[in-house]
Amino acid sequence: MLHYWKEVFMFSVQQIRAKARQTIAETPGAYLIALIPVIMGVLINLMTSSESNNLVLQLINNPVPSPSHIINATAFPFLYGILVDLMGLSISFALFQIIYKLREKVQAKDAFTIFNHQRFGSILATYLVKAILLFLWGLVATIGLSVMLGGAILSLVATISTPAPQENLLVIAGFMMIIGLLVMIAGIALFLPQFFAYFLVEPLLFDQLTHNTYTGPMAVIKESRRLMKGYKMQGFVLNLSFIGWYILTFISFGIVGIYVIPYYHTSHIYFYQAVLDDRAIKEKFVQSMMP
């Protein structure tokens, strides 16, 4: 009976990705929709790489960086990250409309489509609430990573700042890196289940906006948590199945993202559909078994 249950109700990540590839191949403009964010990403990476190298040299020469250096190193990437996330939402929304037959083609300018949406405030509010909640869930991992990096920097400074390495500093640095690593691992274990609990927030948001049933960010988040009960591992497997594409995107300086970004977002929406269908079949099966 258990084997039958698994055969009937468990959907396949491979099938989801196959449907996504077919949709991308059949959608006019699908290979253009990520063009603008990819070009922006390549240009930003080229500009910031030199700034990062300068910051490392400054840290070596002066372990206490000035406030202006910290602001320049963090503020711009933070704001750019928000813009990239919103463009990703735009791409996902356009592909959602393709999958649900609300439009027939997409264009490069659709990377900005949500900025002109009449419910942009609702979209932004949902994005920010989700981001804040995930930030809070990820604080432990962030603290661990910060301590580990601090230990690595301290070790580097202790090694090259004087003719002879400072053993006391090296011991402290090693202790910081070990503690930081353990805290980071614990933080990741805490963060991942919450990340995948919120995995369906975006397609749920698009669905509710389309059907005019949106009632607020927390309602979307709570519904995502409900739907993802029992499906977090499938969501993890879906993301893990793209790891080769992520690596290829990285080593190509983001250029491969022209294909990977719409491919992933389309797979994400089909995953949402699969969860809804799978849950409906299970509920119907359970009802049929009741006297």
Protein backbone atom coordinates (compact mmCIF):
# COMPACT_ATOMS: atom_id res chain seq x y z
CA MET A 1 0.00 0.00 0.00
CA LEU A 2 2.85 2.38 0.87
CA HIS A 3 4.55 1.62 -2.44
CA TYR A 4 1.30 2.33 -4.28
CA TRP A 5 0.93 5.64 -2.42
CA LYS A 6 4.41 6.76 -3.47
CA GLU A 7 3.87 5.71 -7.08
CA VAL A 8 0.58 7.61 -7.35
CA PHE A 9 1.36 10.81 -5.46
CA MET A 10 5.07 11.63 -5.66
CA PHE A 11 5.81 13.95 -8.55
CA SER A 12 9.15 14.00 -10.34
CA VAL A 13 11.60 16.89 -10.40
CA GLN A 14 12.80 15.60 -13.78
CA GLN A 15 9.27 15.93 -15.17
CA ILE A 16 9.01 19.47 -13.83
CA ARG A 17 12.29 20.46 -15.47
CA ALA A 18 11.28 18.78 -18.74
CA LYS A 19 8.03 20.80 -18.81
CA ALA A 20 10.01 23.97 -18.05
CA ARG A 21 12.43 23.32 -20.93
CA GLN A 22 9.55 22.72 -23.31
CA THR A 23 7.81 25.92 -22.23
CA ILE A 24 10.99 27.97 -22.63
CA ALA A 25 11.62 26.49 -26.07
CA GLU A 26 8.06 27.25 -27.22
CA THR A 27 7.79 30.78 -25.76
CA PRO A 28 8.81 33.65 -28.07
CA GLY A 29 11.27 35.94 -26.30
CA ALA A 30 12.07 33.53 -23.47
CA TYR A 31 15.80 33.81 -24.13
CA LEU A 32 15.62 37.61 -24.03
CA ILE A 33 13.72 38.12 -20.78
CA ALA A 34 16.85 37.76 -18.60
CA LEU A 35 19.11 39.70 -20.97
CA ILE A 36 19.00 43.02 -19.09
CA PRO A 37 19.73 41.67 -15.58
CA VAL A 38 22.49 39.45 -16.97
CA ILE A 39 24.19 42.38 -18.75
CA MET A 40 23.84 44.48 -15.60
CA GLY A 41 25.31 41.65 -13.53
CA VAL A 42 28.34 41.26 -15.79
CA LEU A 43 29.05 45.00 -15.73
CA ILE A 44 28.61 45.25 -11.96
CA ASN A 45 30.88 42.25 -11.36
CA LEU A 46 33.58 43.81 -13.50
CA MET A 47 33.33 47.11 -11.62
CA THR A 48 33.14 45.63 -8.12
CA SER A 49 35.92 43.06 -8.57
CA SER A 50 38.56 45.78 -8.62
CA GLU A 51 36.95 47.50 -5.62
CA SER A 52 36.98 44.21 -3.68
CA ASN A 53 40.68 43.74 -4.40
CA ASN A 54 41.37 47.26 -3.17
CA LEU A 55 39.39 46.58 0.02
CA VAL A 56 41.41 43.42 0.74
CA LEU A 57 44.66 45.36 0.31
CA GLN A 58 43.36 48.08 2.63
CA LEU A 59 42.43 45.49 5.26
CA ILE A 60 45.93 44.04 5.08
CA ASN A 61 47.56 47.43 5.47
CA ASN A 62 44.97 48.74 7.94
CA PRO A 63 42.92 46.10 9.81
CA VAL A 64 40.38 48.76 10.89
CA PRO A 65 38.76 50.11 7.69
CA SER A 66 37.25 53.57 7.61
CA PRO A 67 33.43 53.96 7.73
CA SER A 68 33.43 55.20 4.13
CA HIS A 69 35.10 51.97 2.96
CA ILE A 70 32.52 49.88 4.81
CA ILE A 71 29.64 51.88 3.33
CA ASN A 72 31.02 51.65 -0.20
CA ALA A 73 31.59 47.91 0.17
CA THR A 74 28.13 47.09 1.53
CA ALA A 75 25.53 49.71 0.54
CA PHE A 76 25.78 49.37 -3.22
CA PRO A 77 25.73 45.53 -3.30
CA PHE A 78 22.73 45.61 -0.93
CA LEU A 79 20.72 47.99 -3.13
CA TYR A 80 21.77 46.17 -6.28
CA GLY A 81 20.70 42.88 -4.69
CA ILE A 82 17.21 44.27 -4.06
CA LEU A 83 16.96 45.45 -7.67
CA VAL A 84 18.07 42.04 -8.95
CA ASP A 85 15.51 40.30 -6.73
CA LEU A 86 12.72 42.55 -8.04
CA MET A 87 13.78 41.91 -11.63
CA GLY A 88 13.71 38.19 -10.82
CA LEU A 89 10.15 38.65 -9.55
CA SER A 90 9.27 40.41 -12.81
CA ILE A 91 10.69 37.55 -14.86
CA SER A 92 8.87 34.98 -12.74
CA PHE A 93 5.59 36.90 -13.03
CA ALA A 94 5.86 37.12 -16.83
CA LEU A 95 6.57 33.39 -17.06
CA PHE A 96 3.70 32.69 -14.67
CA GLN A 97 1.42 34.48 -17.13
CA ILE A 98 2.83 32.36 -19.97
CA ILE A 99 2.20 29.09 -18.12
CA TYR A 100 -1.34 30.12 -17.17
CA LYS A 101 -2.10 31.25 -20.74
CA LEU A 102 -2.48 34.93 -19.80
CA ARG A 103 0.00 35.98 -22.48
CA GLU A 104 1.74 34.37 -25.45
CA LYS A 105 5.21 35.89 -25.49
CA VAL A 106 7.72 37.77 -23.34
CA GLN A 107 10.27 40.48 -24.05
CA ALA A 108 13.48 41.85 -22.54
CA LYS A 109 11.57 44.76 -20.98
CA ASP A 110 9.46 42.29 -18.99
CA ALA A 111 12.34 42.20 -16.50
CA PHE A 112 10.76 45.42 -15.18
CA THR A 113 7.09 44.52 -15.57
CA ILE A 114 6.16 44.48 -11.88
CA PHE A 115 7.36 48.06 -11.45
CA ASN A 116 4.37 49.13 -13.55
CA HIS A 117 1.95 46.68 -11.92
CA GLN A 118 -1.06 48.31 -10.27
CA ARG A 119 -0.40 46.24 -7.14
CA PHE A 120 3.34 46.94 -7.01
CA GLY A 121 2.98 48.03 -3.38
CA SER A 122 1.55 44.63 -2.48
CA ILE A 123 4.34 42.85 -4.37
CA LEU A 124 7.02 44.95 -2.69
CA ALA A 125 5.48 44.48 0.76
CA THR A 126 5.36 40.70 0.34
CA TYR A 127 8.94 40.63 -0.94
CA LEU A 128 10.19 42.73 2.01
CA VAL A 129 8.32 40.74 4.67
CA LYS A 130 9.66 37.46 3.29
CA ALA A 131 13.18 38.90 3.04
CA ILE A 132 13.08 40.18 6.64
CA LEU A 133 11.80 36.86 7.98
CA LEU A 134 14.47 34.91 6.10
CA PHE A 135 17.11 37.37 7.30
CA LEU A 136 16.07 36.73 10.89
CA TRP A 137 16.08 32.97 10.37
CA GLY A 138 19.54 33.26 8.83
CA LEU A 139 21.07 35.40 11.58
CA VAL A 140 22.75 32.46 13.32
CA ALA A 141 24.42 31.34 10.07
CA THR A 142 25.42 34.94 9.30
CA ILE A 143 26.99 35.38 12.74
CA GLY A 144 28.89 32.13 12.34
CA LEU A 145 30.15 33.14 8.89
CA SER A 146 31.18 36.57 10.20
CA VAL A 147 33.14 35.06 13.09
CA MET A 148 34.82 32.57 10.73
CA LEU A 149 35.78 35.30 8.25
CA GLY A 150 36.97 37.50 11.10
CA GLY A 151 39.24 34.69 12.24
CA ALA A 152 40.55 34.24 8.69
CA ILE A 153 41.32 37.97 8.37
CA LEU A 154 42.95 38.02 11.81
CA SER A 155 45.07 35.03 10.80
CA LEU A 156 46.13 36.79 7.61
CA VAL A 157 46.98 39.99 9.46
CA ALA A 158 48.92 38.11 12.16
CA THR A 159 50.88 36.24 9.52
CA ILE A 160 51.98 39.09 7.23
CA SER A 161 51.78 42.27 9.33
CA THR A 162 55.08 41.64 11.14
CA PRO A 163 58.32 39.85 10.22
CA ALA A 164 57.45 37.00 12.64
CA PRO A 165 53.91 35.55 12.87
CA GLN A 166 52.14 36.42 16.15
CA GLU A 167 51.34 33.03 17.67
CA ASN A 168 48.78 34.32 20.16
CA LEU A 169 46.77 35.96 17.40
CA LEU A 170 47.01 32.83 15.27
CA VAL A 171 45.59 30.71 18.13
CA ILE A 172 42.72 33.17 18.60
CA ALA A 173 42.12 33.24 14.84
CA GLY A 174 42.02 29.45 14.65
CA PHE A 175 39.59 29.28 17.57
CA MET A 176 37.37 31.90 15.90
CA MET A 177 37.33 29.97 12.62
CA ILE A 178 36.39 26.67 14.30
CA ILE A 179 33.64 28.22 16.44
CA GLY A 180 32.40 30.25 13.48
CA LEU A 181 32.21 27.15 11.29
CA LEU A 182 30.23 25.20 13.88
CA VAL A 183 27.81 28.09 14.45
CA MET A 184 27.39 28.55 10.69
CA ILE A 185 26.57 24.86 10.18
CA ALA A 186 23.98 25.01 12.97
CA GLY A 187 22.57 28.19 11.44
CA ILE A 188 22.24 26.61 8.01
CA ALA A 189 20.41 23.65 9.54
CA LEU A 190 18.01 26.14 11.14
CA PHE A 191 17.63 28.28 8.01
CA LEU A 192 17.05 25.73 5.24
CA PRO A 193 13.67 24.36 6.46
CA GLN A 194 12.36 27.92 6.76
CA PHE A 195 13.69 28.87 3.33
CA PHE A 196 11.77 26.03 1.73
CA ALA A 197 8.70 26.70 3.88
CA TYR A 198 8.55 30.08 2.07
CA PHE A 199 9.38 28.53 -1.31
CA LEU A 200 5.93 29.07 -2.85
CA VAL A 201 5.45 32.69 -1.76
CA GLU A 202 6.09 34.14 -5.23
CA PRO A 203 3.79 31.91 -7.34
CA LEU A 204 1.13 32.16 -4.61
CA LEU A 205 1.44 35.94 -4.73
CA PHE A 206 1.03 35.97 -8.52
CA ASP A 207 -1.91 33.59 -8.30
CA GLN A 208 -3.68 35.69 -5.68
CA LEU A 209 -3.06 38.94 -7.54
CA THR A 210 -4.39 37.37 -10.73
CA HIS A 211 -7.58 36.21 -9.02
CA ASN A 212 -7.85 39.30 -6.79
CA THR A 213 -7.69 37.24 -3.59
CA TYR A 214 -4.58 38.86 -2.08
CA THR A 215 -5.11 39.86 1.56
CA GLY A 216 -1.58 40.66 2.70
CA PRO A 217 2.01 39.42 2.95
CA MET A 218 1.52 37.24 6.03
CA ALA A 219 -1.46 35.46 4.47
CA VAL A 220 0.70 34.51 1.47
CA ILE A 221 3.54 33.36 3.71
CA LYS A 222 1.24 31.28 5.92
CA GLU A 223 -0.29 29.62 2.86
CA SER A 224 3.18 28.82 1.51
CA ARG A 225 4.11 27.22 4.83
CA ARG A 226 0.92 25.16 4.73
CA LEU A 227 1.39 23.98 1.15
CA MET A 228 5.07 23.11 1.63
CA LYS A 229 4.44 20.73 4.53
CA GLY A 230 5.72 17.43 3.21
CA TYR A 231 7.30 19.00 0.11
CA LYS A 232 10.40 20.76 1.47
CA MET A 233 12.67 17.92 0.39
CA GLN A 234 11.30 18.06 -3.16
CA GLY A 235 11.96 21.79 -3.19
CA PHE A 236 15.50 21.16 -1.98
CA VAL A 237 16.02 18.52 -4.68
CA LEU A 238 14.73 20.91 -7.34
CA ASN A 239 17.23 23.57 -6.30
CA LEU A 240 20.02 21.03 -5.95
CA SER A 241 19.34 19.76 -9.48
CA PHE A 242 20.36 23.19 -10.79
CA ILE A 243 23.74 23.22 -9.07
CA GLY A 244 25.57 22.40 -12.30
CA TRP A 245 23.86 25.32 -14.01
CA TYR A 246 24.74 27.61 -11.07
CA ILE A 247 28.41 26.66 -11.37
CA LEU A 248 28.35 27.15 -15.14
CA THR A 249 26.70 30.56 -14.68
CA PHE A 250 29.38 31.54 -12.17
CA ILE A 251 32.35 30.55 -14.32
CA SER A 252 30.79 32.27 -17.35
CA PHE A 253 30.54 35.54 -15.34
CA GLY A 254 26.75 35.25 -15.41
CA ILE A 255 26.30 35.02 -19.17
CA VAL A 256 24.73 31.54 -19.03
CA GLY A 257 22.06 33.14 -16.84
CA ILE A 258 20.30 34.20 -20.05
CA TYR A 259 19.16 30.56 -20.26
CA VAL A 260 19.29 29.48 -16.61
CA ILE A 261 17.20 32.32 -15.10
CA PRO A 262 14.01 31.71 -17.14
CA TYR A 263 14.60 27.95 -16.92
CA TYR A 264 14.73 28.03 -13.12
CA HIS A 265 11.77 30.40 -12.68
CA THR A 266 9.64 28.32 -15.04
CA SER A 267 10.57 25.17 -13.10
CA HIS A 268 9.65 26.96 -9.87
CA ILE A 269 6.16 27.75 -11.18
CA TYR A 270 5.65 24.20 -12.42
CA PHE A 271 6.74 23.01 -8.97
CA TYR A 272 3.95 25.15 -7.50
CA GLN A 273 1.48 23.56 -9.91
CA ALA A 274 2.76 20.07 -9.02
CA VAL A 275 2.33 20.70 -5.29
CA LEU A 276 -1.24 21.93 -5.79
CA ASP A 277 -2.10 18.96 -8.01
CA ASP A 278 -0.41 16.46 -5.72
CA ARG A 279 -2.18 17.80 -2.64
CA ALA A 280 -5.55 17.76 -4.45
CA ILE A 281 -5.06 14.13 -5.50
CA LYS A 282 -4.07 13.13 -1.96
CA GLU A 283 -7.08 14.89 -0.44
CA LYS A 284 -9.39 13.24 -2.96
CA PHE A 285 -7.83 9.84 -2.25
CA VAL A 286 -8.23 10.28 1.49
CA GLN A 287 -11.86 11.32 1.07
CA SER A 288 -12.53 8.28 -1.12
CA MET A 289 -11.13 6.01 1.61
CA MET A 290 -13.42 7.43 4.27
CA PRO A 291 -16.68 5.55 4.94
